[in-house]
Amino acid sequence: MAWCFQRDSSCSLNCEMRPHDASGHYYREVTNRRNDLFGRHHDDLTCHDYGAVSNSFTLSFQRQTAVMSLRTLSRNLRIFFLSALVSSFFLIGCSGTQHDSSANDFDDVQLSDKTVSEEDVQAQNQQIDVENREALIEEAKAKLQLTEDYRDDFIHGEKGADFQKYIVLHDTEGSNDASSVVNGWEASGNLVAAHFIVNTDGSIVQCVPMDKIAHHAGFGDTGHNIDFGVEDESRDDKAGTVPIGGNFADYGMNSYSIGIEMVHVGGSGDYPSAQLEALDNLITYIDAFYGFQSEIIDHKTWRTGNSDTSAEFSTHLQNYKATRKHFA
């Protein structure tokens, strides 16, 4: 509670008018109230002093005014700091969200770039594989003394890479060279032939493309179609064949194999080095052509009791199975 003095009754405060002294001045007891931020009441002295007021009252009024100013400043500072705190939290939240969004966008871009990069690399690798395979085929073929002498009568159907499984080795059981053998097959009218014939000097004649079926293996042991995984005979036209039946009823090997004849007569001695080296290179060429290794067998593996290959080839056959070369 405080006191104020004025000459008249124009003060806007809710004061109680009381007489003062003989000077004609009046005093008023201030009952004006206000509420702070926390709902508490305060009595403030806001009346202006008058010239006749004593010095003691003037000083009291000034102190009250200073207190009011400090309280107002304190209230404003609290409001300012609360607003700043709320704004800080809001800005931090927005910044975090923006950062996460930017990070996610960056990850998406990186992922997209990575996907494109992987596709490009894969395409490049495929192109390199194709080019490397073509180079390997040409390199392997260049090592052969190869003559291509295709005869349409020897082709009995399609044999793509999906159906290639075996390389079957034969002896011609004669001393005629490869070209004479091919001519003899055609003259017989039996439509029988192998894909390749290897001469004793290492030269080779090819009379059937590798992706075509040739009749070189004939009928095999009954049950061998299943044992060797060559059940599908439907791609073979079987022209010129005469079913044997009984113990030799299966004819599937031709549809899944490459046939190679070596000019040789059983019992005549070992195979010349030039011929064996040519056979090594021919197998390498076939592997490069298909891009995988086919299993190597001889004719009598398909049909029990067959004479080719001869006994003197047995060691070489084991080496071919193990190393794809005639030597260990």
C-alpha atoms as a PDB file:
ATOM      1  CA  MET A   1       0.000   0.000   0.000  1.00  0.00           C
ATOM      2  CA  ALA A   2       1.260   3.552  -0.804  1.00  0.00           C
ATOM      3  CA  TRP A   3       0.160   7.136  -0.798  1.00  0.00           C
ATOM      4  CA  CYS A   4      -0.303   9.663  -3.592  1.00  0.00           C
ATOM      5  CA  PHE A   5      -1.153  13.351  -3.667  1.00  0.00           C
ATOM      6  CA  GLN A   6      -3.016  15.390  -6.259  1.00  0.00           C
ATOM      7  CA  ARG A   7      -4.740  18.797  -6.316  1.00  0.00           C
ATOM      8  CA  ASP A   8      -8.044  17.582  -7.707  1.00  0.00           C
ATOM      9  CA  SER A   9      -9.995  14.363  -8.073  1.00  0.00           C
ATOM     10  CA  SER A  10      -9.069  13.602 -11.718  1.00  0.00           C
ATOM     11  CA  CYS A  11      -6.822  10.654 -10.847  1.00  0.00           C
ATOM     12  CA  SER A  12      -7.972   7.556 -12.774  1.00  0.00           C
ATOM     13  CA  LEU A  13      -6.953   5.146 -10.085  1.00  0.00           C
ATOM     14  CA  ASN A  14      -9.482   3.530  -7.811  1.00  0.00           C
ATOM     15  CA  CYS A  15      -8.427   5.571  -4.784  1.00  0.00           C
ATOM     16  CA  GLU A  16     -10.214   6.507  -1.606  1.00  0.00           C
ATOM     17  CA  MET A  17     -10.323  10.322  -1.229  1.00  0.00           C
ATOM     18  CA  ARG A  18      -9.382  11.613   2.191  1.00  0.00           C
ATOM     19  CA  PRO A  19      -8.683  15.196   3.431  1.00  0.00           C
ATOM     20  CA  HIS A  20      -5.087  16.061   4.237  1.00  0.00           C
ATOM     21  CA  ASP A  21      -3.813  19.218   5.862  1.00  0.00           C
ATOM     22  CA  ALA A  22      -4.587  22.922   5.754  1.00  0.00           C
ATOM     23  CA  SER A  23      -2.765  23.409   2.495  1.00  0.00           C
ATOM     24  CA  GLY A  24      -5.799  22.096   0.704  1.00  0.00           C
ATOM     25  CA  HIS A  25      -4.117  19.027  -0.709  1.00  0.00           C
ATOM     26  CA  TYR A  26      -5.736  15.649  -0.699  1.00  0.00           C
ATOM     27  CA  TYR A  27      -4.290  12.225  -0.286  1.00  0.00           C
ATOM     28  CA  ARG A  28      -5.553   9.022  -1.793  1.00  0.00           C
ATOM     29  CA  GLU A  29      -4.913   5.473  -0.731  1.00  0.00           C
ATOM     30  CA  VAL A  30      -4.091   3.497  -3.884  1.00  0.00           C
ATOM     31  CA  THR A  31      -6.006   0.264  -4.287  1.00  0.00           C
ATOM     32  CA  ASN A  32      -5.325  -0.267  -8.025  1.00  0.00           C
ATOM     33  CA  ARG A  33      -4.405  -3.917  -8.713  1.00  0.00           C
ATOM     34  CA  ARG A  34      -2.887  -5.894 -11.614  1.00  0.00           C
ATOM     35  CA  ASN A  35      -2.152  -9.564 -12.254  1.00  0.00           C
ATOM     36  CA  ASP A  36       1.236 -10.911 -13.320  1.00  0.00           C
ATOM     37  CA  LEU A  37       1.866 -13.953 -15.569  1.00  0.00           C
ATOM     38  CA  PHE A  38       1.329 -16.328 -12.691  1.00  0.00           C
ATOM     39  CA  GLY A  39      -2.018 -14.900 -11.608  1.00  0.00           C
ATOM     40  CA  ARG A  40      -0.718 -13.076  -8.503  1.00  0.00           C
ATOM     41  CA  HIS A  41      -2.151  -9.639  -7.531  1.00  0.00           C
ATOM     42  CA  HIS A  42       0.004  -6.529  -7.067  1.00  0.00           C
ATOM     43  CA  ASP A  43      -0.796  -2.976  -5.812  1.00  0.00           C
ATOM     44  CA  ASP A  44       0.941  -0.363  -7.901  1.00  0.00           C
ATOM     45  CA  LEU A  45       1.440   3.319  -7.257  1.00  0.00           C
ATOM     46  CA  THR A  46       0.977   5.095 -10.560  1.00  0.00           C
ATOM     47  CA  CYS A  47      -0.386   8.561  -9.493  1.00  0.00           C
ATOM     48  CA  HIS A  48       1.824  11.504 -10.304  1.00  0.00           C
ATOM     49  CA  ASP A  49       3.209  13.500  -7.481  1.00  0.00           C
ATOM     50  CA  TYR A  50       2.255  17.170  -7.025  1.00  0.00           C
ATOM     51  CA  GLY A  51       4.625  20.006  -6.259  1.00  0.00           C
ATOM     52  CA  ALA A  52       3.444  20.387  -2.687  1.00  0.00           C
ATOM     53  CA  VAL A  53       4.218  16.797  -1.824  1.00  0.00           C
ATOM     54  CA  SER A  54       6.977  16.425   0.666  1.00  0.00           C
ATOM     55  CA  ASN A  55      10.352  15.082  -0.378  1.00  0.00           C
ATOM     56  CA  SER A  56       9.877  11.909   1.609  1.00  0.00           C
ATOM     57  CA  PHE A  57       6.755  11.058  -0.305  1.00  0.00           C
ATOM     58  CA  THR A  58       8.453  11.881  -3.627  1.00  0.00           C
ATOM     59  CA  LEU A  59      11.292   9.486  -2.894  1.00  0.00           C
ATOM     60  CA  SER A  60       8.822   6.809  -1.930  1.00  0.00           C
ATOM     61  CA  PHE A  61       7.017   7.297  -5.236  1.00  0.00           C
ATOM     62  CA  GLN A  62      10.235   7.062  -7.222  1.00  0.00           C
ATOM     63  CA  ARG A  63      11.167   3.826  -5.486  1.00  0.00           C
ATOM     64  CA  GLN A  64       7.768   2.382  -6.224  1.00  0.00           C
ATOM     65  CA  THR A  65       8.093   3.383  -9.895  1.00  0.00           C
ATOM     66  CA  ALA A  66      11.526   1.751 -10.143  1.00  0.00           C
ATOM     67  CA  VAL A  67      10.169  -1.447  -8.626  1.00  0.00           C
ATOM     68  CA  MET A  68       7.353  -1.444 -11.146  1.00  0.00           C
ATOM     69  CA  SER A  69       9.815  -0.981 -14.022  1.00  0.00           C
ATOM     70  CA  LEU A  70      11.978  -3.860 -12.810  1.00  0.00           C
ATOM     71  CA  ARG A  71       8.948  -6.071 -12.497  1.00  0.00           C
ATOM     72  CA  THR A  72       7.831  -5.182 -16.028  1.00  0.00           C
ATOM     73  CA  LEU A  73      11.344  -5.834 -17.367  1.00  0.00           C
ATOM     74  CA  SER A  74      11.479  -9.183 -15.575  1.00  0.00           C
ATOM     75  CA  ARG A  75       8.129 -10.161 -17.028  1.00  0.00           C
ATOM     76  CA  ASN A  76       9.202  -9.172 -20.541  1.00  0.00           C
ATOM     77  CA  LEU A  77      12.466 -11.078 -20.207  1.00  0.00           C
ATOM     78  CA  ARG A  78      10.609 -14.216 -19.109  1.00  0.00           C
ATOM     79  CA  ILE A  79       8.303 -13.909 -22.100  1.00  0.00           C
ATOM     80  CA  PHE A  80      11.285 -13.366 -24.404  1.00  0.00           C
ATOM     81  CA  PHE A  81      13.206 -16.387 -23.120  1.00  0.00           C
ATOM     82  CA  LEU A  82      10.137 -18.641 -23.242  1.00  0.00           C
ATOM     83  CA  SER A  83       9.481 -17.586 -26.837  1.00  0.00           C
ATOM     84  CA  ALA A  84      13.127 -18.122 -27.734  1.00  0.00           C
ATOM     85  CA  LEU A  85      13.107 -21.575 -26.148  1.00  0.00           C
ATOM     86  CA  VAL A  86       9.976 -22.634 -28.030  1.00  0.00           C
ATOM     87  CA  SER A  87      11.395 -21.272 -31.291  1.00  0.00           C
ATOM     88  CA  SER A  88      14.653 -23.143 -30.721  1.00  0.00           C
ATOM     89  CA  PHE A  89      12.871 -26.461 -30.285  1.00  0.00           C
ATOM     90  CA  PHE A  90      10.802 -25.791 -33.394  1.00  0.00           C
ATOM     91  CA  LEU A  91      13.857 -24.889 -35.474  1.00  0.00           C
ATOM     92  CA  ILE A  92      15.814 -27.920 -34.245  1.00  0.00           C
ATOM     93  CA  GLY A  93      12.926 -30.216 -35.136  1.00  0.00           C
ATOM     94  CA  CYS A  94      12.596 -28.719 -38.592  1.00  0.00           C
ATOM     95  CA  SER A  95      16.325 -28.887 -39.128  1.00  0.00           C
ATOM     96  CA  GLY A  96      16.426 -32.569 -38.110  1.00  0.00           C
ATOM     97  CA  THR A  97      13.522 -33.392 -40.366  1.00  0.00           C
ATOM     98  CA  GLN A  98      15.101 -31.533 -43.244  1.00  0.00           C
ATOM     99  CA  HIS A  99      18.427 -33.264 -42.593  1.00  0.00           C
ATOM    100  CA  ASP A 100      16.783 -36.715 -42.528  1.00  0.00           C
ATOM    101  CA  SER A 101      14.865 -35.916 -45.687  1.00  0.00           C
ATOM    102  CA  SER A 102      18.025 -34.706 -47.389  1.00  0.00           C
ATOM    103  CA  ALA A 103      19.863 -37.799 -46.227  1.00  0.00           C
ATOM    104  CA  ASN A 104      17.105 -40.016 -47.538  1.00  0.00           C
ATOM    105  CA  ASP A 105      17.112 -38.155 -50.832  1.00  0.00           C
ATOM    106  CA  PHE A 106      20.888 -38.564 -51.009  1.00  0.00           C
ATOM    107  CA  ASP A 107      20.575 -42.259 -50.243  1.00  0.00           C
ATOM    108  CA  ASP A 108      17.976 -42.595 -52.973  1.00  0.00           C
ATOM    109  CA  VAL A 109      20.258 -40.873 -55.437  1.00  0.00           C
ATOM    110  CA  GLN A 110      23.183 -42.983 -54.369  1.00  0.00           C
ATOM    111  CA  LEU A 111      21.095 -46.146 -54.635  1.00  0.00           C
ATOM    112  CA  SER A 112      19.884 -45.137 -58.076  1.00  0.00           C
ATOM    113  CA  ASP A 113      23.436 -44.402 -59.198  1.00  0.00           C
ATOM    114  CA  LYS A 114      24.595 -47.702 -57.749  1.00  0.00           C
ATOM    115  CA  THR A 115      21.856 -49.629 -59.552  1.00  0.00           C
ATOM    116  CA  VAL A 116      22.666 -47.999 -62.856  1.00  0.00           C
ATOM    117  CA  SER A 117      26.352 -48.606 -62.258  1.00  0.00           C
ATOM    118  CA  GLU A 118      25.785 -52.308 -61.523  1.00  0.00           C
ATOM    119  CA  GLU A 119      23.667 -52.693 -64.660  1.00  0.00           C
ATOM    120  CA  ASP A 120      26.348 -51.001 -66.710  1.00  0.00           C
ATOM    121  CA  VAL A 121      29.053 -53.211 -65.214  1.00  0.00           C
ATOM    122  CA  GLN A 122      26.971 -56.329 -65.792  1.00  0.00           C
ATOM    123  CA  ALA A 123      26.370 -55.368 -69.417  1.00  0.00           C
ATOM    124  CA  GLN A 124      30.053 -54.657 -69.874  1.00  0.00           C
ATOM    125  CA  ASN A 125      30.985 -57.978 -68.296  1.00  0.00           C
ATOM    126  CA  GLN A 126      28.579 -59.817 -70.576  1.00  0.00           C
ATOM    127  CA  GLN A 127      30.070 -58.058 -73.564  1.00  0.00           C
ATOM    128  CA  ILE A 128      33.549 -58.938 -72.351  1.00  0.00           C
ATOM    129  CA  ASP A 129      32.483 -62.564 -71.829  1.00  0.00           C
ATOM    130  CA  VAL A 130      31.138 -62.738 -75.371  1.00  0.00           C
ATOM    131  CA  GLU A 131      34.245 -61.140 -76.788  1.00  0.00           C
ATOM    132  CA  ASN A 132      36.508 -63.363 -74.688  1.00  0.00           C
ATOM    133  CA  ARG A 133      34.607 -66.469 -75.730  1.00  0.00           C
ATOM    134  CA  GLU A 134      34.794 -65.518 -79.390  1.00  0.00           C
ATOM    135  CA  ALA A 135      38.503 -64.845 -78.973  1.00  0.00           C
ATOM    136  CA  LEU A 136      38.993 -68.214 -77.269  1.00  0.00           C
ATOM    137  CA  ILE A 137      37.097 -69.990 -80.049  1.00  0.00           C
ATOM    138  CA  GLU A 138      39.185 -68.317 -82.731  1.00  0.00           C
ATOM    139  CA  GLU A 139      42.391 -68.983 -80.828  1.00  0.00           C
ATOM    140  CA  ALA A 140      41.531 -72.664 -80.354  1.00  0.00           C
ATOM    141  CA  LYS A 141      40.423 -73.066 -83.951  1.00  0.00           C
ATOM    142  CA  ALA A 142      43.620 -71.451 -85.216  1.00  0.00           C
ATOM    143  CA  LYS A 143      45.632 -74.296 -83.683  1.00  0.00           C
ATOM    144  CA  LEU A 144      43.808 -76.863 -85.816  1.00  0.00           C
ATOM    145  CA  GLN A 145      44.604 -78.006 -89.334  1.00  0.00           C
ATOM    146  CA  LEU A 146      40.881 -78.018 -89.997  1.00  0.00           C
ATOM    147  CA  THR A 147      39.048 -78.549 -93.276  1.00  0.00           C
ATOM    148  CA  GLU A 148      35.273 -78.067 -93.314  1.00  0.00           C
ATOM    149  CA  ASP A 149      33.511 -80.414 -95.729  1.00  0.00           C
ATOM    150  CA  TYR A 150      29.848 -80.363 -94.729  1.00  0.00           C
ATOM    151  CA  ARG A 151      27.438 -82.875 -96.219  1.00  0.00           C
ATOM    152  CA  ASP A 152      23.713 -82.200 -95.887  1.00  0.00           C
ATOM    153  CA  ASP A 153      22.876 -85.901 -95.895  1.00  0.00           C
ATOM    154  CA  PHE A 154      24.708 -86.299 -92.565  1.00  0.00           C
ATOM    155  CA  ILE A 155      22.510 -83.767 -90.692  1.00  0.00           C
ATOM    156  CA  HIS A 156      19.641 -85.340 -88.718  1.00  0.00           C
ATOM    157  CA  GLY A 157      18.320 -82.534 -86.552  1.00  0.00           C
ATOM    158  CA  GLU A 158      19.167 -79.609 -84.315  1.00  0.00           C
ATOM    159  CA  LYS A 159      21.473 -79.919 -81.325  1.00  0.00           C
ATOM    160  CA  GLY A 160      21.860 -76.624 -79.509  1.00  0.00           C
ATOM    161  CA  ALA A 161      24.169 -76.034 -76.555  1.00  0.00           C
ATOM    162  CA  ASP A 162      21.407 -77.023 -74.113  1.00  0.00           C
ATOM    163  CA  PHE A 163      21.552 -80.576 -75.471  1.00  0.00           C
ATOM    164  CA  GLN A 164      25.320 -80.979 -75.680  1.00  0.00           C
ATOM    165  CA  LYS A 165      26.620 -83.396 -73.004  1.00  0.00           C
ATOM    166  CA  TYR A 166      29.199 -85.825 -74.420  1.00  0.00           C
ATOM    167  CA  ILE A 167      32.202 -86.167 -76.695  1.00  0.00           C
ATOM    168  CA  VAL A 168      32.261 -89.720 -78.078  1.00  0.00           C
ATOM    169  CA  LEU A 169      35.600 -91.052 -79.404  1.00  0.00           C
ATOM    170  CA  HIS A 170      35.749 -93.679 -82.196  1.00  0.00           C
ATOM    171  CA  ASP A 171      38.280 -95.536 -84.361  1.00  0.00           C
ATOM    172  CA  THR A 172      37.648 -95.732 -88.094  1.00  0.00           C
ATOM    173  CA  GLU A 173      38.968 -99.311 -88.090  1.00  0.00           C
ATOM    174  CA  GLY A 174      40.648 -98.530 -91.398  1.00  0.00           C
ATOM    175  CA  SER A 175      43.710 -96.819 -92.799  1.00  0.00           C
ATOM    176  CA  ASN A 176      41.990 -94.466 -95.269  1.00  0.00           C
ATOM    177  CA  ASP A 177      42.476 -90.773 -94.619  1.00  0.00           C
ATOM    178  CA  ALA A 178      39.691 -88.522 -93.386  1.00  0.00           C
ATOM    179  CA  SER A 179      38.528 -87.277 -96.784  1.00  0.00           C
ATOM    180  CA  SER A 180      38.233 -90.833 -98.079  1.00  0.00           C
ATOM    181  CA  VAL A 181      36.284 -91.825 -94.982  1.00  0.00           C
ATOM    182  CA  VAL A 182      33.783 -88.984 -95.533  1.00  0.00           C
ATOM    183  CA  ASN A 183      33.327 -89.935 -99.157  1.00  0.00           C
ATOM    184  CA  GLY A 184      32.840 -93.570 -98.190  1.00  0.00           C
ATOM    185  CA  TRP A 185      30.137 -92.673 -95.675  1.00  0.00           C
ATOM    186  CA  GLU A 186      28.254 -90.670 -98.238  1.00  0.00           C
ATOM    187  CA  ALA A 187      28.570 -93.374-100.893  1.00  0.00           C
ATOM    188  CA  SER A 188      27.167 -96.035 -98.570  1.00  0.00           C
ATOM    189  CA  GLY A 189      23.830 -94.267 -98.321  1.00  0.00           C
ATOM    190  CA  ASN A 190      23.538 -95.249 -94.655  1.00  0.00           C
ATOM    191  CA  LEU A 191      23.565 -91.567 -93.639  1.00  0.00           C
ATOM    192  CA  VAL A 192      26.099 -92.409 -90.919  1.00  0.00           C
ATOM    193  CA  ALA A 193      28.863 -89.928 -90.044  1.00  0.00           C
ATOM    194  CA  ALA A 194      30.775 -88.333 -87.186  1.00  0.00           C
ATOM    195  CA  HIS A 195      31.291 -84.588 -86.818  1.00  0.00           C
ATOM    196  CA  PHE A 196      35.112 -84.788 -87.075  1.00  0.00           C
ATOM    197  CA  ILE A 197      37.735 -87.215 -88.434  1.00  0.00           C
ATOM    198  CA  VAL A 198      41.344 -86.879 -87.216  1.00  0.00           C
ATOM    199  CA  ASN A 199      44.117 -88.076 -89.511  1.00  0.00           C
ATOM    200  CA  THR A 200      47.324 -89.673 -88.275  1.00  0.00           C
ATOM    201  CA  ASP A 201      49.270 -86.561 -89.309  1.00  0.00           C
ATOM    202  CA  GLY A 202      47.067 -84.349 -87.146  1.00  0.00           C
ATOM    203  CA  SER A 203      44.949 -82.812 -89.917  1.00  0.00           C
ATOM    204  CA  ILE A 204      41.187 -82.807 -89.344  1.00  0.00           C
ATOM    205  CA  VAL A 205      38.092 -82.859 -91.534  1.00  0.00           C
ATOM    206  CA  GLN A 206      34.717 -81.646 -90.215  1.00  0.00           C
ATOM    207  CA  CYS A 207      31.677 -82.873 -92.142  1.00  0.00           C
ATOM    208  CA  VAL A 208      28.813 -81.982 -89.740  1.00  0.00           C
ATOM    209  CA  PRO A 209      28.348 -78.664 -87.843  1.00  0.00           C
ATOM    210  CA  MET A 210      28.621 -79.042 -84.075  1.00  0.00           C
ATOM    211  CA  ASP A 211      25.097 -77.744 -83.467  1.00  0.00           C
ATOM    212  CA  LYS A 212      23.571 -80.507 -85.639  1.00  0.00           C
ATOM    213  CA  ILE A 213      22.787 -84.162 -84.886  1.00  0.00           C
ATOM    214  CA  ALA A 214      25.006 -86.764 -86.614  1.00  0.00           C
ATOM    215  CA  HIS A 215      24.495 -90.523 -86.595  1.00  0.00           C
ATOM    216  CA  HIS A 216      27.779 -91.710 -85.128  1.00  0.00           C
ATOM    217  CA  ALA A 217      26.886 -93.562 -81.905  1.00  0.00           C
ATOM    218  CA  GLY A 218      24.128 -95.817 -83.201  1.00  0.00           C
ATOM    219  CA  PHE A 219      22.009 -97.903 -80.860  1.00  0.00           C
ATOM    220  CA  GLY A 220      23.244 -98.319 -77.288  1.00  0.00           C
ATOM    221  CA  ASP A 221      22.495-100.643 -74.423  1.00  0.00           C
ATOM    222  CA  THR A 222      18.850-100.720 -73.418  1.00  0.00           C
ATOM    223  CA  GLY A 223      18.489 -98.415 -70.421  1.00  0.00           C
ATOM    224  CA  HIS A 224      21.421 -96.198 -71.369  1.00  0.00           C
ATOM    225  CA  ASN A 225      19.143 -93.372 -72.436  1.00  0.00           C
ATOM    226  CA  ILE A 226      18.131 -92.996 -68.802  1.00  0.00           C
ATOM    227  CA  ASP A 227      21.592 -93.791 -67.403  1.00  0.00           C
ATOM    228  CA  PHE A 228      23.257 -91.109 -69.542  1.00  0.00           C
ATOM    229  CA  GLY A 229      20.412 -88.605 -69.353  1.00  0.00           C
ATOM    230  CA  VAL A 230      19.700 -88.657 -73.095  1.00  0.00           C
ATOM    231  CA  GLU A 231      16.044 -89.690 -73.128  1.00  0.00           C
ATOM    232  CA  ASP A 232      14.779 -87.175 -75.712  1.00  0.00           C
ATOM    233  CA  GLU A 233      15.109 -88.702 -79.190  1.00  0.00           C
ATOM    234  CA  SER A 234      12.427 -86.480 -80.719  1.00  0.00           C
ATOM    235  CA  ARG A 235      14.858 -84.040 -82.362  1.00  0.00           C
ATOM    236  CA  ASP A 236      16.489 -86.871 -84.352  1.00  0.00           C
ATOM    237  CA  ASP A 237      14.852 -87.714 -87.676  1.00  0.00           C
ATOM    238  CA  LYS A 238      16.420 -91.207 -87.431  1.00  0.00           C
ATOM    239  CA  ALA A 239      16.701 -91.366 -91.192  1.00  0.00           C
ATOM    240  CA  GLY A 240      18.577 -94.477 -92.350  1.00  0.00           C
ATOM    241  CA  THR A 241      18.315 -96.259 -89.000  1.00  0.00           C
ATOM    242  CA  VAL A 242      17.120 -99.820 -88.498  1.00  0.00           C
ATOM    243  CA  PRO A 243      16.036-100.610 -84.919  1.00  0.00           C
ATOM    244  CA  ILE A 244      17.876-103.502 -83.291  1.00  0.00           C
ATOM    245  CA  GLY A 245      15.716-103.951 -80.222  1.00  0.00           C
ATOM    246  CA  GLY A 246      16.508-106.431 -77.471  1.00  0.00           C
ATOM    247  CA  ASN A 247      19.632-105.406 -75.577  1.00  0.00           C
ATOM    248  CA  PHE A 248      20.372-102.429 -77.845  1.00  0.00           C
ATOM    249  CA  ALA A 249      17.201-100.406 -78.092  1.00  0.00           C
ATOM    250  CA  ASP A 250      18.294 -96.889 -77.052  1.00  0.00           C
ATOM    251  CA  TYR A 251      19.232 -94.274 -79.624  1.00  0.00           C
ATOM    252  CA  GLY A 252      19.491 -91.045 -77.589  1.00  0.00           C
ATOM    253  CA  MET A 253      23.262 -90.471 -77.537  1.00  0.00           C
ATOM    254  CA  ASN A 254      23.379 -88.953 -81.046  1.00  0.00           C
ATOM    255  CA  SER A 255      21.065 -86.142 -79.918  1.00  0.00           C
ATOM    256  CA  TYR A 256      23.398 -85.085 -77.073  1.00  0.00           C
ATOM    257  CA  SER A 257      26.942 -85.549 -78.358  1.00  0.00           C
ATOM    258  CA  ILE A 258      29.810 -84.705 -80.693  1.00  0.00           C
ATOM    259  CA  GLY A 259      31.345 -87.667 -82.534  1.00  0.00           C
ATOM    260  CA  ILE A 260      35.100 -87.830 -83.314  1.00  0.00           C
ATOM    261  CA  GLU A 261      36.622 -90.575 -85.435  1.00  0.00           C
ATOM    262  CA  MET A 262      40.368 -91.235 -85.335  1.00  0.00           C
ATOM    263  CA  VAL A 263      41.980 -92.941 -88.297  1.00  0.00           C
ATOM    264  CA  HIS A 264      43.214 -96.099 -86.640  1.00  0.00           C
ATOM    265  CA  VAL A 265      43.048 -99.877 -86.841  1.00  0.00           C
ATOM    266  CA  GLY A 266      42.877-101.692 -83.549  1.00  0.00           C
ATOM    267  CA  GLY A 267      45.997-103.745 -82.813  1.00  0.00           C
ATOM    268  CA  SER A 268      48.184-101.726 -85.188  1.00  0.00           C
ATOM    269  CA  GLY A 269      50.059-100.025 -82.401  1.00  0.00           C
ATOM    270  CA  ASP A 270      49.880 -96.748 -80.566  1.00  0.00           C
ATOM    271  CA  TYR A 271      48.353 -93.568 -81.932  1.00  0.00           C
ATOM    272  CA  PRO A 272      50.853 -91.082 -83.425  1.00  0.00           C
ATOM    273  CA  SER A 273      51.757 -88.060 -81.282  1.00  0.00           C
ATOM    274  CA  ALA A 274      50.586 -85.672 -84.013  1.00  0.00           C
ATOM    275  CA  GLN A 275      47.179 -87.317 -83.998  1.00  0.00           C
ATOM    276  CA  LEU A 276      46.876 -87.212 -80.201  1.00  0.00           C
ATOM    277  CA  GLU A 277      48.005 -83.584 -80.026  1.00  0.00           C
ATOM    278  CA  ALA A 278      45.470 -82.709 -82.707  1.00  0.00           C
ATOM    279  CA  LEU A 279      42.803 -84.467 -80.634  1.00  0.00           C
ATOM    280  CA  ASP A 280      43.880 -82.434 -77.580  1.00  0.00           C
ATOM    281  CA  ASN A 281      43.437 -79.206 -79.503  1.00  0.00           C
ATOM    282  CA  LEU A 282      40.136 -80.345 -81.004  1.00  0.00           C
ATOM    283  CA  ILE A 283      38.673 -81.028 -77.545  1.00  0.00           C
ATOM    284  CA  THR A 284      39.842 -77.564 -76.442  1.00  0.00           C
ATOM    285  CA  TYR A 285      38.094 -76.082 -79.481  1.00  0.00           C
ATOM    286  CA  ILE A 286      34.828 -77.911 -78.703  1.00  0.00           C
ATOM    287  CA  ASP A 287      34.962 -76.730 -75.077  1.00  0.00           C
ATOM    288  CA  ALA A 288      35.510 -73.133 -76.213  1.00  0.00           C
ATOM    289  CA  PHE A 289      32.689 -73.372 -78.760  1.00  0.00           C
ATOM    290  CA  TYR A 290      30.147 -74.412 -76.129  1.00  0.00           C
ATOM    291  CA  GLY A 291      31.622 -72.525 -73.200  1.00  0.00           C
ATOM    292  CA  PHE A 292      31.687 -75.635 -71.000  1.00  0.00           C
ATOM    293  CA  GLN A 293      33.283 -79.078 -70.858  1.00  0.00           C
ATOM    294  CA  SER A 294      31.413 -82.102 -72.166  1.00  0.00           C
ATOM    295  CA  GLU A 295      32.042 -85.527 -70.669  1.00  0.00           C
ATOM    296  CA  ILE A 296      34.486 -87.636 -72.712  1.00  0.00           C
ATOM    297  CA  ILE A 297      33.615 -91.298 -73.371  1.00  0.00           C
ATOM    298  CA  ASP A 298      34.480 -93.847 -76.043  1.00  0.00           C
ATOM    299  CA  HIS A 299      32.006 -95.681 -78.260  1.00  0.00           C
ATOM    300  CA  LYS A 300      32.030 -98.925 -76.318  1.00  0.00           C
ATOM    301  CA  THR A 301      30.993 -97.036 -73.166  1.00  0.00           C
ATOM    302  CA  TRP A 302      27.683 -96.370 -74.943  1.00  0.00           C
ATOM    303  CA  ARG A 303      27.365 -99.826 -76.496  1.00  0.00           C
ATOM    304  CA  THR A 304      28.885-102.772 -74.670  1.00  0.00           C
ATOM    305  CA  GLY A 305      31.189-104.998 -76.735  1.00  0.00           C
ATOM    306  CA  ASN A 306      31.932-102.410 -79.404  1.00  0.00           C
ATOM    307  CA  SER A 307      35.508-102.562 -80.678  1.00  0.00           C
ATOM    308  CA  ASP A 308      36.346 -98.859 -80.704  1.00  0.00           C
ATOM    309  CA  THR A 309      38.266 -97.374 -79.228  1.00  0.00           C
ATOM    310  CA  SER A 310      41.022-100.004 -79.261  1.00  0.00           C
ATOM    311  CA  ALA A 311      42.829-101.407 -76.251  1.00  0.00           C
ATOM    312  CA  GLU A 312      45.944 -99.333 -76.958  1.00  0.00           C
ATOM    313  CA  PHE A 313      43.872 -96.185 -76.437  1.00  0.00           C
ATOM    314  CA  SER A 314      42.732 -97.087 -72.903  1.00  0.00           C
ATOM    315  CA  THR A 315      45.465 -95.134 -71.092  1.00  0.00           C
ATOM    316  CA  HIS A 316      44.888 -92.083 -73.249  1.00  0.00           C
ATOM    317  CA  LEU A 317      41.156 -92.323 -72.569  1.00  0.00           C
ATOM    318  CA  GLN A 318      41.704 -92.191 -68.825  1.00  0.00           C
ATOM    319  CA  ASN A 319      43.956 -89.168 -69.250  1.00  0.00           C
ATOM    320  CA  TYR A 320      41.377 -87.412 -71.384  1.00  0.00           C
ATOM    321  CA  LYS A 321      38.758 -88.004 -68.741  1.00  0.00           C
ATOM    322  CA  ALA A 322      41.035 -86.615 -66.046  1.00  0.00           C
ATOM    323  CA  THR A 323      42.903 -83.776 -67.786  1.00  0.00           C
ATOM    324  CA  ARG A 324      41.300 -83.427 -71.248  1.00  0.00           C
ATOM    325  CA  LYS A 325      44.731 -84.181 -72.682  1.00  0.00           C
ATOM    326  CA  HIS A 326      46.236 -87.484 -73.861  1.00  0.00           C
ATOM    327  CA  PHE A 327      48.916 -87.274 -71.186  1.00  0.00           C
ATOM    328  CA  ALA A 328      48.566 -87.173 -67.429  1.00  0.00           C
END
